[in-house]
Amino acid sequence: MLRLLRGRSIFVHVMVMLAVTVLAVVAGVATVAQAMFLSPHDLWVVLVTVTASALISLGVGAVFGRRLAASAVWAQAARDRERRLEAGRRELVAWVSHDLRTPLAGLRAMAEALEDRIISDPATVDEYHRRIRVETDRMTQLVDDLFELSRINAGALRLAPTTVPLREIVSDALAGVAPLAASRRIQLVAADSGWPVVRAGERELARVVSNLLINSVRYTPEDGTVHITAGHEHDDVWLAVSDTCGGIPENDLDRVFDVAFRGERARTPGANGSAGGGLGLAIVRGLVEAHGGRVGVRNTGRGCQFEVRLPAA
């Protein structure tokens, strides 16, 4: 029977094993009782007792069998999750190694050129200095992202929740991302009203909003638009960032918040120096979940929309 049911669940297998065992015992006891030439009354008592025991055994077995099956399923899910996390860690190491090796090689070449006086033209020297500063800032941001992500994964993140006006957080984030948006001719549009108050860590919430805006600006083609709105719904405060990136492939929607995931080649930024380490959205999810909230993404008409929901103040 187990061979025939090998495609069924663990619970079915446990119940089949238990039922066969109990029925075999009941049949054996009934056969022995009849062979002992018991009186009809005594035989009836034996059969009633054995039947009651069989029903109780099946009931108790079903309860523990369901628990056993659930434990097995959770154990398998934990193993699958661990394999995914390990794959993500390996991918992260590969991405970070690439993202650090490339600018370091460029920095070394430019530093040697300046040190050996190969470059003497003042304009070229100034350009080398500027590129060294830009690449250094980029690597510093990558290291900061790695540190923040390690704090989240290690459970070392300590929040200091306060009552924060969401409008001020968004205003500061828009000011910070404005230069990047201007360089790509992307229009930033924020709602005029409807900004609620939220109970959250101010620094962590600012990081969430900033990462969402930077992500949308990076993946939106030139002359596109990024909208940010917010509101209050029941016991939640929601914040939505919408862009005109053209949408995300359906198969990738569940992976955009994974560590080191950057999407398909068509969605990866070009050689404009704005590519991140694939950590921004992973940090967003970690910080939002640390506040007891949730974050999701969906495709809209011309792009996609990221929505964050946090407990209201």
Foldseek 3Di string as FASTA:
>chain_A
DCVVCVVDAQLVVQLVVLLVVLVVVLVVQLVVVVVVVDDPVVSVVSNVVSVVVSVVSSVVSSVVSVVVRVVVVVVVVVVVVVVVVVVLVVLLVVLLVVLVVVVVVVLVVLVVCVVVVVDDPVVVVVVSVVSNVLSVVQNVVQVVLVVLLVCLVVVVDDWDWDWAFVVVLLVVLCVVCVVVLVVLQEAEEEDPDATAIATTRSVLVSLLNNLVVLLQSQQAHRNWYKYWYWHDDDQKIKIKIWIQNQEAPPVCQVPLLGAQDQHDPNRAGDPPSSGHRSRSSVSNQSRLVVQVWGWGKDADDRYIMIMIMHGGD
